[in-house]
């Protein structure tokens, strides 16, 4: 019997209060070729990419693994990530070559490969496009403008910003260029609307509060006539999960009625941010966005550069940036606990991706098909040092990355050599094997960093 094929960009559609509501479908077997290793139109199964940023650096002596290679020992600040060690390549001793150094701004060179521009005092703009946007462009160039409904998504967790720094360099992790920052969205409800529907429900309008799933019911019935039994089960499971998430976000009571932290709205309670709740909601949304192929590129600004985020959950109300400039015993304890807290929240996001099945490959999960680049705006906060900045490349990227992960020491402490932009070029090569360079000015790279690839073989080499 001939296999029925379904366009991989099929959407379910319905009307709510006169507005069009749509739900993207997860990749289904009916969208794949006969071997199940690519889409029926011949394109590769999707690899996803994410940048993940945390401000104010680390304590190098408590961050860097003491040994190298696979089975490396995770140091104190990385212990929360222990469950994902096989997915994590840690790179140490790779130099940030920014030509200007003012405070935390030069650290952002690790995400774009440029020295900041229009610098005056504590004001600056990013010198060029960030790596996530280069990769988003590479995906569009390779597969076309309509490959995903959304080219990239920018998320933020903590709303606190630096009280001294200005410009866009540290306030926006993603940039199209010096004058094109892509500011992060920090409200999970707004992210839901961006990813899963263009209408905005009005709390007092019953018609607009109808379920999206009810609105597309007719389209679901029609679609099921085109699917086999396994795809029908997968579709039902997907719609059930989408409905649960819709209900979780859209029916949460107003924050003023909830004891403690509010649910998925990122509203302060008694002046404190609901960091864990927001982090978990964003992780859920990313998992669905990747699964449904709504987008393949994301950036997460966990806390901004030089940001005064406080961590009420660990009884630290002092401000993370302030802690990073206090090298007293108490200050060191606070910054250490803060970094551990941050890594625990990163682990929560990784766990959500790992627990989400990659519906295109049996037995695999979203971490297997994703590449996550993690760094900060400095190494030691109190000196604003950019020597030996924390660098991690997480995920397997559909076999593109070295696995199990290793600690790759480019230069022994305390120095550093090479060029972080080489690492950025390697990340870009995962999506565009013909890419020749990343960055500009003295930071530009023409030489990919080979050590994150299996056998050290760079894609396109």
Protein backbone atom coordinates (compact mmCIF):
# COMPACT_ATOMS: atom_id res chain seq x y z
CA UNK A 1 0.00 0.00 0.00
CA UNK A 2 1.40 3.40 -1.00
CA UNK A 3 2.37 5.65 1.91
CA UNK A 4 0.39 8.86 2.34
CA UNK A 5 2.59 11.93 2.76
CA UNK A 6 1.69 15.08 4.67
CA UNK A 7 3.25 18.51 4.22
CA UNK A 8 5.54 19.08 7.22
CA UNK A 9 4.31 22.69 7.59
CA UNK A 10 0.66 21.66 8.09
CA UNK A 11 -1.17 23.74 10.73
CA UNK A 12 -4.49 23.16 12.46
CA UNK A 13 -6.75 26.18 12.07
CA UNK A 14 -9.93 27.46 13.70
CA UNK A 15 -11.72 30.66 14.61
CA UNK A 16 -11.98 32.17 18.10
CA UNK A 17 -14.05 35.32 18.50
CA UNK A 18 -13.52 36.18 14.85
CA UNK A 19 -9.74 35.72 15.05
CA UNK A 20 -7.72 32.95 13.44
CA UNK A 21 -6.17 30.50 15.90
CA UNK A 22 -3.54 28.01 14.78
CA UNK A 23 -1.72 25.07 16.35
CA UNK A 24 1.48 23.74 14.84
CA UNK A 25 1.81 19.97 14.56
CA UNK A 26 4.72 17.91 15.80
CA UNK A 27 6.67 16.14 13.04
CA UNK A 28 4.62 13.04 12.16
CA UNK A 29 5.57 9.83 10.43
CA UNK A 30 3.46 10.90 7.46
CA UNK A 31 5.91 13.78 6.95
CA UNK A 32 9.02 11.54 6.73
CA UNK A 33 10.60 9.62 3.89
CA UNK A 34 10.40 5.84 3.57
CA UNK A 35 13.52 5.35 5.73
CA UNK A 36 12.33 7.74 8.45
CA UNK A 37 15.69 9.55 8.55
CA UNK A 38 14.66 12.73 6.73
CA UNK A 39 11.57 14.62 5.68
CA UNK A 40 9.80 13.40 2.56
CA UNK A 41 11.02 16.51 0.69
CA UNK A 42 14.63 15.40 1.27
CA UNK A 43 15.58 17.97 3.93
CA UNK A 44 17.49 16.88 7.04
CA UNK A 45 15.85 16.32 10.38
CA UNK A 46 16.10 19.58 12.35
CA UNK A 47 18.98 20.46 14.64
CA UNK A 48 18.09 23.14 17.18
CA UNK A 49 20.30 25.84 18.66
CA UNK A 50 20.13 27.93 21.82
CA UNK A 51 22.32 30.48 23.55
CA UNK A 52 22.01 30.67 27.34
CA UNK A 53 23.51 33.57 29.26
CA UNK A 54 24.04 34.33 32.94
CA UNK A 55 25.58 37.58 34.13
CA UNK A 56 28.35 38.35 36.63
CA UNK A 57 30.64 35.42 35.97
CA UNK A 58 31.92 32.62 38.19
CA UNK A 59 34.70 31.77 40.63
CA UNK A 60 37.28 30.05 38.38
CA UNK A 61 38.65 27.91 41.20
CA UNK A 62 35.20 26.55 41.90
CA UNK A 63 34.10 26.34 38.26
CA UNK A 64 36.76 24.72 36.08
CA UNK A 65 37.01 20.92 36.26
CA UNK A 66 40.31 19.88 37.85
CA UNK A 67 40.94 17.24 35.18
CA UNK A 68 40.56 17.02 31.40
CA UNK A 69 39.06 14.65 28.85
CA UNK A 70 35.91 12.53 29.22
CA UNK A 71 34.69 11.50 32.67
CA UNK A 72 35.99 14.82 34.00
CA UNK A 73 35.21 15.84 37.56
CA UNK A 74 32.63 18.59 37.85
CA UNK A 75 33.79 21.32 40.20
CA UNK A 76 31.55 22.75 42.93
CA UNK A 77 29.70 25.30 40.82
CA UNK A 78 29.03 22.78 38.05
CA UNK A 79 27.81 19.95 40.29
CA UNK A 80 24.12 20.76 39.59
CA UNK A 81 24.79 19.74 35.97
CA UNK A 82 26.25 16.34 36.88
CA UNK A 83 23.31 14.39 35.44
CA UNK A 84 24.11 15.87 32.03
CA UNK A 85 27.90 15.51 32.02
CA UNK A 86 27.88 13.26 28.95
CA UNK A 87 26.10 16.07 27.07
CA UNK A 88 28.47 18.84 28.18
CA UNK A 89 31.73 19.90 26.57
CA UNK A 90 33.48 22.37 28.89
CA UNK A 91 36.04 24.65 27.24
CA UNK A 92 38.57 26.51 29.39
CA UNK A 93 41.45 28.84 28.58
CA UNK A 94 40.08 30.19 25.28
CA UNK A 95 40.71 33.93 24.95
CA UNK A 96 38.20 36.74 24.48
CA UNK A 97 40.01 39.18 22.16
CA UNK A 98 37.76 42.24 22.62
CA UNK A 99 39.79 45.36 21.77
CA UNK A 100 38.02 47.46 24.42
CA UNK A 101 37.55 46.72 28.08
CA UNK A 102 35.23 48.81 30.23
CA UNK A 103 33.39 46.49 32.63
CA UNK A 104 31.06 43.64 31.72
CA UNK A 105 30.40 44.80 28.15
CA UNK A 106 33.46 43.17 26.60
CA UNK A 107 32.29 39.80 27.84
CA UNK A 108 29.50 39.84 25.27
CA UNK A 109 32.13 39.39 22.56
CA UNK A 110 31.79 35.72 23.49
CA UNK A 111 28.37 35.75 21.80
CA UNK A 112 29.12 37.74 18.65
CA UNK A 113 32.84 37.88 17.92
CA UNK A 114 32.99 41.69 17.79
CA UNK A 115 34.30 44.45 20.00
CA UNK A 116 31.42 46.65 21.22
CA UNK A 117 30.81 49.92 19.34
CA UNK A 118 29.74 53.48 20.23
CA UNK A 119 31.27 52.95 23.62
CA UNK A 120 31.15 55.93 25.97
CA UNK A 121 31.54 55.41 29.67
CA UNK A 122 29.28 52.50 30.58
CA UNK A 123 27.25 52.73 27.35
CA UNK A 124 27.80 50.44 24.37
CA UNK A 125 26.13 48.64 21.51
CA UNK A 126 26.95 45.16 20.25
CA UNK A 127 29.52 45.27 17.47
CA UNK A 128 27.67 42.87 15.19
CA UNK A 129 25.15 40.03 14.91
CA UNK A 130 25.12 37.38 17.60
CA UNK A 131 25.77 33.72 16.88
CA UNK A 132 22.12 32.73 17.30
CA UNK A 133 21.12 35.14 14.54
CA UNK A 134 23.88 33.93 12.23
CA UNK A 135 22.58 30.40 12.75
CA UNK A 136 18.96 31.50 12.23
CA UNK A 137 20.04 33.08 8.93
CA UNK A 138 21.94 29.93 7.96
CA UNK A 139 18.84 27.79 8.53
CA UNK A 140 16.72 30.11 6.36
CA UNK A 141 19.41 30.20 3.67
CA UNK A 142 19.53 26.42 3.57
CA UNK A 143 15.83 25.58 3.86
CA UNK A 144 13.94 28.74 2.86
CA UNK A 145 12.08 31.56 4.60
CA UNK A 146 9.13 29.35 5.55
CA UNK A 147 11.13 26.52 7.11
CA UNK A 148 9.66 27.40 10.53
CA UNK A 149 6.85 29.80 11.46
CA UNK A 150 9.20 31.79 13.71
CA UNK A 151 12.84 32.38 12.77
CA UNK A 152 14.05 32.68 16.36
CA UNK A 153 12.67 33.38 19.81
CA UNK A 154 14.25 35.48 22.56
CA UNK A 155 13.43 34.67 26.17
CA UNK A 156 14.37 36.26 29.48
CA UNK A 157 13.98 35.03 33.05
CA UNK A 158 15.03 37.80 35.45
CA UNK A 159 13.69 41.30 34.74
CA UNK A 160 16.41 43.03 36.78
CA UNK A 161 18.88 45.09 34.76
CA UNK A 162 22.17 46.75 35.56
CA UNK A 163 21.55 50.02 37.42
CA UNK A 164 24.71 51.59 35.97
CA UNK A 165 25.17 50.25 32.45
CA UNK A 166 23.39 51.57 29.35
CA UNK A 167 23.11 50.68 25.69
CA UNK A 168 21.94 47.36 24.33
CA UNK A 169 25.04 45.18 24.61
CA UNK A 170 24.12 43.53 27.89
CA UNK A 171 20.38 44.11 27.95
CA UNK A 172 19.73 42.04 24.84
CA UNK A 173 21.48 38.72 24.31
CA UNK A 174 20.40 38.57 20.64
CA UNK A 175 21.27 41.20 18.03
CA UNK A 176 20.81 41.42 14.27
CA UNK A 177 23.45 44.17 14.33
CA UNK A 178 24.60 47.18 16.39
CA UNK A 179 21.29 49.00 15.94
CA UNK A 180 19.03 45.95 15.88
CA UNK A 181 18.75 44.41 19.33
CA UNK A 182 16.18 41.66 19.76
CA UNK A 183 14.98 42.20 23.31
CA UNK A 184 13.93 39.15 25.32
CA UNK A 185 10.31 38.47 26.22
CA UNK A 186 10.02 37.76 29.92
CA UNK A 187 6.33 36.92 30.31
CA UNK A 188 5.54 33.25 29.55
CA UNK A 189 2.00 34.17 28.56
CA UNK A 190 3.33 36.52 25.86
CA UNK A 191 5.75 33.84 24.70
CA UNK A 192 2.83 31.41 24.44
CA UNK A 193 0.99 33.87 22.19
CA UNK A 194 4.09 34.44 20.07
CA UNK A 195 4.68 30.74 19.57
CA UNK A 196 1.22 29.21 19.49
CA UNK A 197 -1.32 31.84 18.50
CA UNK A 198 -1.57 35.41 17.30
CA UNK A 199 -4.68 36.37 19.25
CA UNK A 200 -4.59 37.85 22.77
CA UNK A 201 -7.30 36.50 25.09
CA UNK A 202 -9.24 39.09 27.08
CA UNK A 203 -9.98 37.86 30.62
CA UNK A 204 -13.57 39.17 30.62
CA UNK A 205 -14.48 38.07 27.08
CA UNK A 206 -15.94 34.55 27.18
CA UNK A 207 -15.70 34.10 23.41
CA UNK A 208 -11.99 34.81 23.36
CA UNK A 209 -11.43 32.49 26.32
CA UNK A 210 -12.69 29.48 24.35
CA UNK A 211 -10.07 26.75 24.08
CA UNK A 212 -7.86 26.82 21.00
CA UNK A 213 -8.39 23.07 20.81
CA UNK A 214 -12.17 23.51 20.55
CA UNK A 215 -11.70 26.00 17.74
CA UNK A 216 -9.63 23.61 15.61
CA UNK A 217 -11.69 20.45 16.31
CA UNK A 218 -13.08 20.28 12.74
CA UNK A 219 -9.60 20.57 11.27
CA UNK A 220 -8.39 17.79 13.59
CA UNK A 221 -11.11 15.43 12.34
CA UNK A 222 -10.18 16.14 8.72
CA UNK A 223 -6.48 15.68 9.36
CA UNK A 224 -6.98 12.31 11.07
CA UNK A 225 -8.36 10.86 7.83
CA UNK A 226 -4.88 11.39 6.34
CA UNK A 227 -2.93 9.71 9.15
CA UNK A 228 -2.03 6.19 10.13
CA UNK A 229 -2.72 4.71 13.56
CA UNK A 230 0.63 5.70 15.12
CA UNK A 231 0.39 9.28 13.84
CA UNK A 232 -3.17 9.52 15.18
CA UNK A 233 -1.92 8.49 18.63
CA UNK A 234 0.94 10.97 18.42
CA UNK A 235 -1.43 13.76 17.36
CA UNK A 236 -3.82 12.97 20.22
CA UNK A 237 -0.98 12.97 22.74
CA UNK A 238 0.35 16.25 21.36
CA UNK A 239 -3.03 17.98 21.52
CA UNK A 240 -3.59 16.71 25.06
CA UNK A 241 -0.25 18.13 26.17
CA UNK A 242 -0.85 21.43 24.38
CA UNK A 243 -4.24 21.67 26.08
CA UNK A 244 -2.68 21.05 29.49
CA UNK A 245 -0.09 23.77 28.91
CA UNK A 246 -2.74 26.17 27.60
CA UNK A 247 -4.80 25.56 30.71
CA UNK A 248 -1.77 25.87 32.99
CA UNK A 249 -0.89 29.30 31.63
CA UNK A 250 -4.24 30.83 30.72
CA UNK A 251 -6.32 29.74 33.70
CA UNK A 252 -3.84 30.62 36.45
CA UNK A 253 -5.45 32.98 38.99
CA UNK A 254 -4.19 36.57 39.15
CA UNK A 255 -0.89 36.78 41.01
CA UNK A 256 -2.44 38.76 43.85
CA UNK A 257 -4.58 35.71 44.71
CA UNK A 258 -1.72 33.22 44.78
CA UNK A 259 0.36 32.75 47.95
CA UNK A 260 4.05 32.97 47.27
CA UNK A 261 5.30 33.26 43.72
CA UNK A 262 2.83 33.76 40.83
CA UNK A 263 2.38 31.14 38.17
CA UNK A 264 4.04 31.77 34.81
CA UNK A 265 3.44 35.51 34.58
CA UNK A 266 6.77 36.85 35.86
CA UNK A 267 5.16 39.30 38.24
CA UNK A 268 6.97 40.17 41.44
CA UNK A 269 5.52 39.23 44.79
CA UNK A 270 6.71 41.43 47.65
CA UNK A 271 9.44 42.73 45.37
CA UNK A 272 10.85 39.29 44.56
CA UNK A 273 10.91 37.58 41.18
CA UNK A 274 9.41 34.09 40.65
CA UNK A 275 12.58 32.90 38.97
CA UNK A 276 12.07 29.14 39.20
CA UNK A 277 8.43 29.30 38.09
CA UNK A 278 9.30 31.45 35.08
CA UNK A 279 12.32 29.31 34.23
CA UNK A 280 10.21 26.15 34.25
CA UNK A 281 7.43 27.73 32.18
CA UNK A 282 9.94 28.92 29.58
CA UNK A 283 11.50 25.44 29.50
CA UNK A 284 8.06 23.96 28.78
CA UNK A 285 7.45 26.46 25.98
CA UNK A 286 10.85 25.83 24.41
CA UNK A 287 10.32 22.08 24.49
CA UNK A 288 7.00 22.45 22.65
CA UNK A 289 8.40 24.99 20.19
CA UNK A 290 11.27 22.67 19.28
CA UNK A 291 9.06 19.58 19.14
CA UNK A 292 6.53 21.31 16.88
CA UNK A 293 9.31 22.84 14.75
CA UNK A 294 7.84 26.28 15.36
CA UNK A 295 11.37 27.58 15.72
CA UNK A 296 14.84 26.02 15.76
CA UNK A 297 16.72 28.91 17.35
CA UNK A 298 16.35 30.47 20.79
CA UNK A 299 18.25 32.67 23.21
CA UNK A 300 17.75 32.72 26.96
CA UNK A 301 18.92 35.68 29.04
CA UNK A 302 18.73 34.09 32.47
CA UNK A 303 20.03 37.18 34.26
CA UNK A 304 21.46 40.20 32.46
CA UNK A 305 25.01 41.44 32.44
CA UNK A 306 25.91 43.24 35.68
CA UNK A 307 22.31 42.70 36.77
CA UNK A 308 21.26 43.11 40.40
CA UNK A 309 19.06 40.02 40.47
CA UNK A 310 18.36 38.72 43.96
CA UNK A 311 17.82 35.05 44.77
CA UNK A 312 15.11 34.99 47.41
CA UNK A 313 14.81 31.22 47.20
CA UNK A 314 18.24 30.90 48.80
CA UNK A 315 17.72 33.88 51.12
CA UNK A 316 20.08 36.14 49.19
CA UNK A 317 18.60 39.63 48.84
CA UNK A 318 21.89 41.41 48.27
CA UNK A 319 22.00 41.57 44.46
CA UNK A 320 24.09 39.14 42.40
CA UNK A 321 26.19 41.87 40.78
CA UNK A 322 26.90 43.44 44.15
CA UNK A 323 27.97 40.04 45.47
CA UNK A 324 30.35 39.58 42.54
CA UNK A 325 32.25 42.70 43.66
CA UNK A 326 32.60 41.61 47.27
CA UNK A 327 35.66 39.41 47.76
CA UNK A 328 35.18 39.13 51.50
CA UNK A 329 34.45 35.67 52.89
CA UNK A 330 30.73 36.46 52.99
CA UNK A 331 30.76 37.90 49.48
CA UNK A 332 32.58 34.88 48.08
CA UNK A 333 30.09 32.58 49.76
CA UNK A 334 27.18 34.53 48.27
CA UNK A 335 28.55 34.61 44.72
CA UNK A 336 29.36 30.91 44.95
CA UNK A 337 25.85 30.08 46.13
CA UNK A 338 24.42 32.32 43.42
CA UNK A 339 26.27 30.54 40.62
CA UNK A 340 25.20 27.16 42.02
CA UNK A 341 21.60 28.42 42.10
CA UNK A 342 21.88 29.54 38.46
CA UNK A 343 23.28 26.19 37.36
CA UNK A 344 20.45 24.42 39.17
CA UNK A 345 17.98 26.39 37.02
CA UNK A 346 19.94 25.57 33.87
CA UNK A 347 19.75 21.91 34.92
CA UNK A 348 15.96 22.23 35.19
CA UNK A 349 15.79 23.42 31.59
CA UNK A 350 18.12 20.65 30.42
CA UNK A 351 16.00 18.10 32.28
CA UNK A 352 12.87 19.34 30.50
CA UNK A 353 14.56 18.94 27.12
CA UNK A 354 15.97 15.54 28.04
CA UNK A 355 12.57 14.31 29.21
CA UNK A 356 10.94 15.38 25.94
CA UNK A 357 10.99 12.70 23.27
CA UNK A 358 12.41 13.68 19.91
CA UNK A 359 9.46 12.40 17.91
CA UNK A 360 11.62 12.04 14.81
CA UNK A 361 14.12 9.57 16.26
CA UNK A 362 13.01 6.64 18.37
CA UNK A 363 14.77 6.52 21.72
CA UNK A 364 16.18 10.04 21.52
CA UNK A 365 15.26 13.30 23.21
CA UNK A 366 15.53 17.01 22.49
CA UNK A 367 18.99 17.27 24.07
CA UNK A 368 20.14 14.75 21.48
CA UNK A 369 19.10 17.08 18.66
CA UNK A 370 19.96 20.45 20.22
CA UNK A 371 23.14 22.52 20.64
CA UNK A 372 23.21 24.92 23.61
CA UNK A 373 25.99 27.48 24.00
CA UNK A 374 26.43 28.79 27.55
CA UNK A 375 28.61 31.65 28.78
CA UNK A 376 28.66 34.82 30.88
CA UNK A 377 29.93 38.41 30.65
CA UNK A 378 33.13 37.81 32.63
CA UNK A 379 35.01 35.22 34.63
CA UNK A 380 35.77 36.88 37.98
CA UNK A 381 33.20 39.57 38.64
CA UNK A 382 35.11 41.79 41.05
CA UNK A 383 37.97 42.32 38.56
CA UNK A 384 35.75 42.27 35.43
CA UNK A 385 38.22 39.75 34.08
CA UNK A 386 37.49 38.11 30.73
CA UNK A 387 40.36 35.65 31.10
CA UNK A 388 39.22 32.03 31.16
CA UNK A 389 35.55 32.85 30.72
CA UNK A 390 33.10 30.01 31.44
CA UNK A 391 32.23 28.24 28.19
CA UNK A 392 30.01 25.20 27.70
CA UNK A 393 28.59 23.55 24.60
CA UNK A 394 25.72 21.29 25.63
CA UNK A 395 23.80 18.67 23.65
CA UNK A 396 24.59 16.18 20.92
CA UNK A 397 23.28 18.19 17.95
CA UNK A 398 22.18 15.02 16.09
CA UNK A 399 25.67 13.59 16.34
CA UNK A 400 27.46 16.76 15.30
CA UNK A 401 29.15 17.27 18.70
CA UNK A 402 31.71 15.23 20.60
CA UNK A 403 29.98 12.70 22.84
CA UNK A 404 30.35 11.93 25.67
CA UNK A 405 31.32 15.46 26.60
CA UNK A 406 34.84 16.36 27.67
CA UNK A 407 36.70 19.07 29.52
CA UNK A 408 38.79 20.67 26.79
CA UNK A 409 41.56 22.78 28.30
CA UNK A 410 43.04 25.05 25.63
CA UNK A 411 45.50 26.70 28.01
CA UNK A 412 46.42 25.78 31.61
CA UNK A 413 45.48 28.33 34.29
CA UNK A 414 45.85 31.21 34.80
CA UNK A 415 46.32 32.28 31.18
CA UNK A 416 44.34 31.92 27.99
CA UNK A 417 45.12 31.75 24.28
CA UNK A 418 43.32 31.33 20.98
CA UNK A 419 40.05 33.06 20.17
CA UNK A 420 36.51 32.46 21.44
CA UNK A 421 35.29 33.43 17.97
CA UNK A 422 36.82 30.16 16.73
CA UNK A 423 34.28 28.37 18.90
CA UNK A 424 31.47 30.52 17.48
CA UNK A 425 32.58 29.61 13.96
CA UNK A 426 32.45 25.93 14.90
CA UNK A 427 28.88 26.36 16.12
CA UNK A 428 27.94 28.08 12.86
CA UNK A 429 29.57 25.27 10.85
CA UNK A 430 27.09 22.85 12.41
CA UNK A 431 24.38 24.66 10.44
CA UNK A 432 26.38 26.07 7.52
CA UNK A 433 29.38 23.88 6.67
CA UNK A 434 30.51 26.48 4.13
CA UNK A 435 30.72 29.36 6.64
CA UNK A 436 34.11 31.04 6.35
CA UNK A 437 34.24 33.46 9.27
CA UNK A 438 32.55 34.83 12.36
CA UNK A 439 32.96 38.25 13.93
CA UNK A 440 34.97 41.30 12.97
CA UNK A 441 37.88 43.61 13.88
CA UNK A 442 40.60 41.92 15.96
CA UNK A 443 38.09 39.32 17.17
CA UNK A 444 37.31 37.82 13.75
CA UNK A 445 37.81 34.09 13.25
CA UNK A 446 38.56 32.15 10.09
CA UNK A 447 39.59 29.01 11.96
CA UNK A 448 36.95 26.75 13.53
CA UNK A 449 37.67 25.25 16.94
CA UNK A 450 37.83 21.52 16.10
CA UNK A 451 37.86 19.94 19.56
CA UNK A 452 34.07 19.93 20.05
CA UNK A 453 33.57 17.66 17.03
CA UNK A 454 33.86 13.85 16.90
CA UNK A 455 37.41 13.04 15.90
CA UNK A 456 38.15 16.75 15.65
CA UNK A 457 36.67 16.80 12.14
CA UNK A 458 35.06 20.18 11.40
CA UNK A 459 31.90 20.11 9.23
CA UNK A 460 32.74 21.31 5.75
CA UNK A 461 36.48 20.83 6.21
